[in-house]
Amino acid sequence: MNVQPDTQMDKAAFLAWVEGREGRYELAGGRVLMMPGGTMGHGLVVGNLFELLRTRLDRKRWIVVTEVGVDVGPRTIRYPDVVVDHPGAKRRDLTAKAPVLGAEVLSPSTTTIDLGDKASEYLRLPSLAAYLVLAQDEAKAWVYIRGSEQFPAPEVIAGEGATIRVPALEIEFPLAEIYAGIEFD
């Protein structure tokens, strides 16, 4: 991950700046971060998860999107790989309204942030019921599911026979579906 040197912005300026810009960026604590490009494995995991959620969730109750921002704090906007939100967003909105699920696929350069800073930021969102962090080099997920009031530590789920359950979305799916068509070394 690259920091754009000396580039500080508030959220409104960042959203205006990033709209239509080439490359991937996030705003973290007012600093603009350039995000790395993804590998084929990353793209396949994101695509499989997106397709799985779109085909299994009721589209009258949920929307599934990629490349949309999530406002996670006073000076921070993140871009999860996949977001499940409530319907009602306008076509030109740049951020999710009340995300219920956020998912990130790990890259070597983002592992610490996805399981650290981003996890703590996403888990503070009152609307969020689940945060998934998925490996791209093995069938493995760190699954945060909101309890009655807060999020416990993530449950680590591994192996293609393992299943992820997200009660708030009334959905469950095996890791084998997320990793379908992916050959591991």
Protein backbone atom coordinates (compact mmCIF):
# COMPACT_ATOMS: atom_id res chain seq x y z
CA MET A 1 0.00 0.00 0.00
CA ASN A 2 1.35 3.43 -0.89
CA VAL A 3 0.73 6.68 0.92
CA GLN A 4 0.39 9.68 -1.34
CA PRO A 5 3.03 12.00 0.18
CA ASP A 6 1.69 15.07 1.94
CA THR A 7 -1.82 14.55 0.60
CA GLN A 8 -4.30 15.41 3.35
CA MET A 9 -8.03 15.86 2.71
CA ASP A 10 -11.33 15.89 4.46
CA LYS A 11 -13.96 13.36 3.37
CA ALA A 12 -15.88 15.69 1.05
CA ALA A 13 -12.71 16.76 -0.77
CA PHE A 14 -11.55 13.15 -1.01
CA LEU A 15 -14.83 11.91 -2.51
CA ALA A 16 -14.76 14.72 -5.09
CA TRP A 17 -11.09 14.02 -5.87
CA VAL A 18 -11.38 10.22 -6.14
CA GLU A 19 -14.52 10.12 -8.30
CA GLY A 20 -13.54 8.89 -11.75
CA ARG A 21 -9.84 8.75 -10.89
CA GLU A 22 -7.75 5.86 -12.20
CA GLY A 23 -6.46 3.49 -9.53
CA ARG A 24 -7.79 2.60 -6.10
CA TYR A 25 -7.56 4.94 -3.13
CA GLU A 26 -8.77 5.13 0.46
CA LEU A 27 -8.79 7.94 2.99
CA ALA A 28 -7.35 6.94 6.37
CA GLY A 29 -7.15 9.56 9.09
CA GLY A 30 -7.24 12.31 6.46
CA ARG A 31 -4.35 10.78 4.47
CA VAL A 32 -4.87 9.54 0.93
CA LEU A 33 -3.67 5.98 0.42
CA MET A 34 -3.15 4.37 -2.95
CA MET A 35 -4.23 0.73 -2.79
CA PRO A 36 -2.39 -2.03 -4.65
CA GLY A 37 -3.84 -3.70 -7.70
CA GLY A 38 -5.22 -7.17 -7.20
CA THR A 39 -4.00 -10.57 -8.34
CA MET A 40 -6.04 -13.02 -10.36
CA GLY A 41 -6.72 -14.95 -7.12
CA HIS A 42 -7.98 -11.79 -5.43
CA GLY A 43 -10.29 -11.05 -8.33
CA LEU A 44 -11.65 -14.58 -8.42
CA VAL A 45 -12.44 -14.61 -4.68
CA VAL A 46 -14.13 -11.20 -4.89
CA GLY A 47 -16.10 -12.24 -7.99
CA ASN A 48 -17.22 -15.54 -6.47
CA LEU A 49 -18.34 -13.87 -3.24
CA PHE A 50 -20.16 -11.11 -5.12
CA GLU A 51 -21.98 -13.62 -7.33
CA LEU A 52 -22.82 -15.88 -4.40
CA LEU A 53 -24.34 -13.03 -2.39
CA ARG A 54 -26.22 -11.57 -5.38
CA THR A 55 -27.82 -14.90 -6.23
CA ARG A 56 -28.73 -15.88 -2.66
CA LEU A 57 -29.92 -12.62 -1.13
CA ASP A 58 -33.37 -11.14 -1.68
CA ARG A 59 -32.77 -8.09 -3.91
CA LYS A 60 -35.79 -6.34 -2.43
CA ARG A 61 -34.10 -6.41 0.98
CA TRP A 62 -30.39 -6.16 0.10
CA ILE A 63 -28.02 -4.74 -2.49
CA VAL A 64 -24.58 -6.20 -3.14
CA VAL A 65 -21.92 -3.84 -4.51
CA THR A 66 -18.21 -3.49 -5.08
CA GLU A 67 -16.10 -0.35 -5.40
CA VAL A 68 -18.27 1.77 -3.10
CA GLY A 69 -16.94 3.69 -0.12
CA VAL A 70 -17.86 3.11 3.51
CA ASP A 71 -17.65 6.07 5.88
CA VAL A 72 -15.97 4.58 8.96
CA GLY A 73 -14.91 7.64 10.91
CA PRO A 74 -14.45 11.38 11.00
CA ARG A 75 -11.54 11.35 8.53
CA THR A 76 -11.68 7.87 6.99
CA ILE A 77 -13.40 6.26 4.00
CA ARG A 78 -12.62 2.65 3.16
CA TYR A 79 -13.48 0.58 0.10
CA PRO A 80 -14.27 -3.01 1.06
CA ASP A 81 -14.04 -5.54 -1.74
CA VAL A 82 -17.74 -6.42 -1.32
CA VAL A 83 -20.51 -4.62 0.59
CA VAL A 84 -24.09 -5.66 1.38
CA ASP A 85 -26.28 -2.64 2.07
CA HIS A 86 -29.95 -1.80 2.37
CA PRO A 87 -31.65 -0.66 -0.85
CA GLY A 88 -32.39 3.01 -1.37
CA ALA A 89 -29.04 4.40 -2.39
CA LYS A 90 -29.07 6.79 -5.30
CA ARG A 91 -27.19 5.82 -8.43
CA ARG A 92 -24.55 8.55 -7.96
CA ASP A 93 -23.95 7.97 -4.23
CA LEU A 94 -20.27 7.41 -3.44
CA THR A 95 -20.70 5.68 -0.08
CA ALA A 96 -22.91 2.93 1.30
CA LYS A 97 -25.76 4.13 3.49
CA ALA A 98 -25.91 1.46 6.22
CA PRO A 99 -23.71 -1.52 5.32
CA VAL A 100 -24.71 -4.80 6.92
CA LEU A 101 -21.77 -6.86 5.63
CA GLY A 102 -18.30 -5.85 4.52
CA ALA A 103 -15.75 -8.22 3.05
CA GLU A 104 -12.05 -7.84 2.30
CA VAL A 105 -9.80 -10.26 0.45
CA LEU A 106 -6.28 -10.31 1.84
CA SER A 107 -3.27 -9.26 -0.19
CA PRO A 108 0.27 -9.58 1.16
CA SER A 109 0.52 -5.80 1.56
CA THR A 110 -2.91 -5.37 3.22
CA THR A 111 -3.11 -8.26 5.70
CA THR A 112 -2.16 -6.22 8.76
CA ILE A 113 -4.56 -3.41 7.89
CA ASP A 114 -7.49 -5.68 6.89
CA LEU A 115 -7.28 -7.62 10.16
CA GLY A 116 -6.25 -4.60 12.25
CA ASP A 117 -7.23 -1.01 11.46
CA LYS A 118 -10.02 -1.84 9.02
CA ALA A 119 -11.49 -4.46 11.32
CA SER A 120 -11.69 -2.03 14.23
CA GLU A 121 -13.13 0.70 11.98
CA TYR A 122 -15.78 -1.49 10.36
CA LEU A 123 -16.77 -3.12 13.65
CA ARG A 124 -17.67 0.29 15.10
CA LEU A 125 -20.38 0.80 12.47
CA PRO A 126 -23.79 0.41 14.14
CA SER A 127 -25.35 -1.06 10.98
CA LEU A 128 -22.66 -3.71 10.42
CA ALA A 129 -23.66 -7.27 11.33
CA ALA A 130 -20.71 -9.11 9.73
CA TYR A 131 -17.17 -8.48 8.54
CA LEU A 132 -15.46 -11.18 6.49
CA VAL A 133 -11.75 -11.31 5.73
CA LEU A 134 -10.87 -13.93 3.14
CA ALA A 135 -7.48 -15.38 2.27
CA GLN A 136 -6.65 -15.66 -1.41
CA ASP A 137 -4.02 -18.39 -1.11
CA GLU A 138 -6.10 -20.94 0.82
CA ALA A 139 -9.75 -21.60 1.72
CA LYS A 140 -9.75 -19.61 4.95
CA ALA A 141 -11.83 -16.80 6.44
CA TRP A 142 -11.83 -14.66 9.55
CA VAL A 143 -15.51 -14.12 10.33
CA TYR A 144 -16.70 -11.38 12.67
CA ILE A 145 -20.41 -11.69 13.53
CA ARG A 146 -22.07 -9.14 15.80
CA GLY A 147 -23.33 -10.63 19.05
CA SER A 148 -26.10 -9.03 21.08
CA GLU A 149 -24.17 -5.78 21.56
CA GLN A 150 -20.70 -6.13 20.10
CA PHE A 151 -18.37 -8.20 17.98
CA PRO A 152 -16.44 -11.03 19.60
CA ALA A 153 -13.02 -12.03 18.25
CA PRO A 154 -13.25 -13.48 14.75
CA GLU A 155 -14.01 -17.11 14.18
CA VAL A 156 -11.38 -18.58 11.88
CA ILE A 157 -13.01 -20.91 9.38
CA ALA A 158 -10.82 -23.04 7.14
CA GLY A 159 -11.20 -25.79 4.59
CA GLU A 160 -13.49 -26.05 1.61
CA GLY A 161 -16.02 -28.03 3.66
CA ALA A 162 -16.36 -25.23 6.23
CA THR A 163 -19.43 -22.98 6.18
CA ILE A 164 -19.87 -19.28 6.87
CA ARG A 165 -23.14 -18.29 8.53
CA VAL A 166 -24.43 -14.71 8.60
CA PRO A 167 -27.63 -14.72 10.69
CA ALA A 168 -28.53 -11.07 9.96
CA LEU A 169 -28.74 -11.89 6.25
CA GLU A 170 -30.29 -15.33 6.86
CA ILE A 171 -27.62 -16.90 4.69
CA GLU A 172 -24.93 -19.54 4.90
CA PHE A 173 -22.47 -20.76 2.30
CA PRO A 174 -19.52 -23.14 2.16
CA LEU A 175 -16.03 -21.81 1.56
CA ALA A 176 -15.94 -24.16 -1.44
CA GLU A 177 -18.30 -21.77 -3.25
CA ILE A 178 -16.12 -18.74 -2.54
CA TYR A 179 -13.03 -20.59 -3.74
CA ALA A 180 -14.67 -22.38 -6.68
CA GLY A 181 -12.37 -22.54 -9.70
CA ILE A 182 -9.28 -21.47 -7.77
CA GLU A 183 -6.28 -23.78 -7.68
CA PHE A 184 -3.93 -23.35 -4.73
CA ASP A 185 -0.18 -23.95 -4.98
